[in-house]
Amino acid sequence: MEDTMKVLELLEEIEDVVDEAPGLPLTGKIMVDAEEIFQIVREIRLALPDDVQQAKWIRDERDRILADAKTEYERIIKEAKKQADYLVETDDITLRATKLAEQIRQDAETHAKVLKMRTYDYVDKMLFDMQGKMDELNMKYFGEMYANLEKSFDEINEILASNRDEMKILAYRTQNEGPEVTGSEEL
């Protein structure tokens, strides 16, 4: 809330600069000190809510979680292969080892799928919340005078919507993935 108040104060400061700026005769335009406006914009950026910074953190966290799931999956598969190689002493043991390796592989795939789905749900929720907050900020604080800022918010919302759509597609693909290993493949 404090950050929001600071942003509002800085926006009022921009309004004051615009109101006090001398006009150019016959043009309807005004002259403002560019450095003063840029300084206020820099302060607005610093005062924006942490949610804007969280968007990058969410993306990085999603990538980290997916990388961890892949590493865990590969480790489990490697371990299953080691166990299967060790147990290949007789036909009976080989059969049991193959079944065990398949079960471990399925468990790893299920675990990876669950992790992916949780990640997608988490990222989607964060993107949805961020999208809502961006809409709220846009509706509350910007009008015709800030058309360029409104355009930036719209672009950010489009990116967030696109990211959410991508997450939904990835979740759909993950949800509908089936086992690709057949019984004739060796471990």
Protein backbone atom coordinates (compact mmCIF):
# COMPACT_ATOMS: atom_id res chain seq x y z
CA MET A 1 0.00 0.00 0.00
CA GLU A 2 2.90 2.31 0.80
CA ASP A 3 4.36 1.75 -2.67
CA THR A 4 0.98 2.54 -4.23
CA MET A 5 0.77 5.79 -2.26
CA LYS A 6 4.29 6.75 -3.43
CA VAL A 7 3.31 6.06 -7.05
CA LEU A 8 0.20 8.22 -6.64
CA GLU A 9 2.29 11.05 -5.18
CA LEU A 10 4.75 10.83 -8.07
CA LEU A 11 1.90 10.86 -10.60
CA GLU A 12 0.52 13.97 -8.91
CA GLU A 13 4.00 15.48 -9.19
CA ILE A 14 3.93 14.82 -12.96
CA GLU A 15 0.51 16.48 -13.13
CA ASP A 16 1.92 19.51 -11.29
CA VAL A 17 4.87 19.72 -13.70
CA VAL A 18 2.48 19.55 -16.67
CA ASP A 19 0.06 22.10 -15.12
CA GLU A 20 2.89 24.54 -14.37
CA ALA A 21 4.69 24.11 -17.71
CA PRO A 22 4.69 27.15 -20.00
CA GLY A 23 2.57 26.79 -23.13
CA LEU A 24 3.71 27.33 -26.70
CA PRO A 25 1.55 29.95 -28.38
CA LEU A 26 -0.94 28.77 -31.00
CA THR A 27 0.06 25.06 -30.63
CA GLY A 28 -1.74 23.87 -27.53
CA LYS A 29 1.53 22.21 -26.48
CA ILE A 30 3.67 22.79 -23.40
CA MET A 31 7.37 22.73 -22.64
CA VAL A 32 8.58 20.53 -19.78
CA ASP A 33 11.99 19.74 -18.40
CA ALA A 34 12.71 16.28 -19.78
CA GLU A 35 15.22 15.45 -17.02
CA GLU A 36 12.66 16.32 -14.33
CA ILE A 37 10.05 14.04 -15.95
CA PHE A 38 12.60 11.22 -16.40
CA GLN A 39 13.62 11.52 -12.74
CA ILE A 40 9.99 11.20 -11.62
CA VAL A 41 9.49 8.20 -13.93
CA ARG A 42 12.61 6.54 -12.42
CA GLU A 43 11.16 7.09 -8.96
CA ILE A 44 7.83 5.58 -10.09
CA ARG A 45 9.66 2.50 -11.33
CA LEU A 46 11.40 2.15 -7.98
CA ALA A 47 8.12 2.57 -6.13
CA LEU A 48 6.11 0.10 -8.22
CA PRO A 49 4.78 -2.80 -6.16
CA ASP A 50 6.96 -5.84 -5.81
CA ASP A 51 4.47 -7.77 -7.98
CA VAL A 52 6.15 -6.36 -11.09
CA GLN A 53 9.49 -7.80 -9.90
CA GLN A 54 7.74 -11.03 -8.90
CA ALA A 55 6.83 -11.76 -12.52
CA LYS A 56 10.52 -12.36 -13.35
CA TRP A 57 10.99 -14.35 -10.13
CA ILE A 58 7.97 -16.52 -11.04
CA ARG A 59 9.41 -17.31 -14.46
CA ASP A 60 12.83 -18.12 -12.97
CA GLU A 61 11.22 -20.25 -10.24
CA ARG A 62 9.16 -22.15 -12.82
CA ASP A 63 12.32 -22.90 -14.84
CA ARG A 64 14.15 -24.03 -11.69
CA ILE A 65 11.31 -26.33 -10.61
CA LEU A 66 11.08 -27.87 -14.07
CA ALA A 67 14.86 -28.38 -14.18
CA ASP A 68 14.78 -30.01 -10.73
CA ALA A 69 11.97 -32.33 -11.83
CA LYS A 70 13.91 -33.32 -14.94
CA THR A 71 17.08 -33.96 -12.93
CA GLU A 72 15.14 -36.08 -10.43
CA TYR A 73 13.48 -37.99 -13.26
CA GLU A 74 16.85 -38.69 -14.91
CA ARG A 75 18.37 -39.75 -11.58
CA ILE A 76 15.51 -42.17 -10.91
CA ILE A 77 15.78 -43.61 -14.43
CA LYS A 78 19.54 -44.01 -14.05
CA GLU A 79 19.05 -45.73 -10.69
CA ALA A 80 16.41 -48.02 -12.18
CA LYS A 81 18.78 -49.00 -14.98
CA LYS A 82 21.54 -49.74 -12.48
CA GLN A 83 19.21 -51.93 -10.45
CA ALA A 84 17.97 -53.72 -13.55
CA ASP A 85 21.54 -54.44 -14.74
CA TYR A 86 22.45 -55.80 -11.32
CA LEU A 87 19.43 -58.13 -11.22
CA VAL A 88 19.93 -59.71 -14.67
CA GLU A 89 21.28 -62.99 -13.25
CA THR A 90 18.32 -65.26 -14.13
CA ASP A 91 15.19 -65.00 -16.25
CA ASP A 92 12.96 -64.71 -13.18
CA ILE A 93 15.10 -61.94 -11.68
CA THR A 94 15.27 -60.20 -15.06
CA LEU A 95 11.49 -60.23 -15.32
CA ARG A 96 11.09 -58.78 -11.82
CA ALA A 97 13.77 -56.16 -12.52
CA THR A 98 12.03 -55.11 -15.72
CA LYS A 99 8.74 -54.72 -13.88
CA LEU A 100 10.44 -52.77 -11.09
CA ALA A 101 12.21 -50.49 -13.55
CA GLU A 102 8.95 -49.84 -15.37
CA GLN A 103 7.21 -49.03 -12.09
CA ILE A 104 10.02 -46.66 -11.11
CA ARG A 105 9.87 -45.00 -14.53
CA GLN A 106 6.10 -44.61 -14.25
CA ASP A 107 6.46 -43.24 -10.72
CA ALA A 108 9.09 -40.77 -11.93
CA GLU A 109 6.89 -39.67 -14.82
CA THR A 110 3.91 -39.30 -12.52
CA HIS A 111 6.01 -37.33 -10.02
CA ALA A 112 7.40 -35.09 -12.79
CA LYS A 113 3.88 -34.57 -14.15
CA VAL A 114 2.53 -33.63 -10.72
CA LEU A 115 5.41 -31.19 -10.21
CA LYS A 116 4.79 -29.65 -13.63
CA MET A 117 1.05 -29.32 -12.97
CA ARG A 118 1.66 -27.70 -9.59
CA THR A 119 4.15 -25.33 -11.20
CA TYR A 120 1.72 -24.45 -13.96
CA ASP A 121 -1.08 -23.86 -11.42
CA TYR A 122 1.21 -21.69 -9.29
CA VAL A 123 2.52 -19.68 -12.24
CA ASP A 124 -1.00 -19.29 -13.65
CA LYS A 125 -2.30 -18.03 -10.31
CA MET A 126 0.57 -15.57 -9.99
CA LEU A 127 0.07 -14.36 -13.58
CA PHE A 128 -3.70 -14.07 -13.01
CA ASP A 129 -3.14 -12.07 -9.82
CA MET A 130 -0.59 -9.86 -11.58
CA GLN A 131 -2.98 -9.35 -14.48
CA GLY A 132 -5.72 -8.32 -12.06
CA LYS A 133 -3.42 -5.90 -10.27
CA MET A 134 -2.29 -4.39 -13.56
CA ASP A 135 -5.95 -3.94 -14.58
CA GLU A 136 -6.69 -2.35 -11.20
CA LEU A 137 -3.75 0.06 -11.48
CA ASN A 138 -4.71 0.89 -15.03
CA MET A 139 -8.34 1.62 -14.12
CA LYS A 140 -7.54 3.64 -10.99
CA TYR A 141 -4.63 5.84 -11.99
CA PHE A 142 -4.41 6.42 -15.71
CA GLY A 143 -6.66 8.35 -18.09
CA GLU A 144 -6.34 9.99 -21.43
CA MET A 145 -3.41 12.10 -20.23
CA TYR A 146 -1.39 8.91 -19.71
CA ALA A 147 -2.18 7.16 -23.02
CA ASN A 148 1.40 5.94 -23.39
CA LEU A 149 1.38 4.44 -19.90
CA GLU A 150 -1.94 2.75 -20.64
CA LYS A 151 -0.45 1.27 -23.80
CA SER A 152 2.44 -0.15 -21.73
CA PHE A 153 0.00 -1.74 -19.28
CA ASP A 154 -1.96 -3.25 -22.18
CA GLU A 155 1.25 -4.71 -23.62
CA ILE A 156 2.20 -6.16 -20.24
CA ASN A 157 -1.29 -7.66 -19.89
CA GLU A 158 -0.99 -9.18 -23.37
CA ILE A 159 2.34 -10.72 -22.39
CA LEU A 160 0.85 -12.03 -19.14
CA ALA A 161 -2.16 -13.44 -20.99
CA SER A 162 0.16 -15.02 -23.54
CA ASN A 163 2.27 -16.51 -20.73
CA ARG A 164 -0.88 -17.86 -19.06
CA ASP A 165 -2.01 -19.37 -22.35
CA GLU A 166 1.44 -20.95 -22.73
CA MET A 167 1.21 -22.36 -19.20
CA LYS A 168 -2.26 -23.77 -19.98
CA ILE A 169 -0.97 -25.38 -23.17
CA LEU A 170 2.00 -26.88 -21.31
CA ALA A 171 -0.34 -28.08 -18.55
CA TYR A 172 -2.70 -29.58 -21.11
CA ARG A 173 0.16 -31.34 -22.88
CA THR A 174 1.55 -32.56 -19.58
CA GLN A 175 -1.87 -33.75 -18.45
CA ASN A 176 -2.36 -35.68 -21.67
CA GLU A 177 1.10 -37.21 -21.93
CA GLY A 178 1.06 -40.99 -21.98
CA PRO A 179 3.82 -43.49 -21.28
CA GLU A 180 6.03 -43.86 -24.32
CA VAL A 181 8.06 -46.89 -23.19
CA THR A 182 6.99 -50.27 -24.51
CA GLY A 183 7.66 -53.63 -22.91
CA SER A 184 10.21 -54.50 -25.62
CA GLU A 185 12.60 -51.66 -24.82
CA GLU A 186 15.66 -52.53 -22.82
CA LEU A 187 16.64 -50.60 -19.70
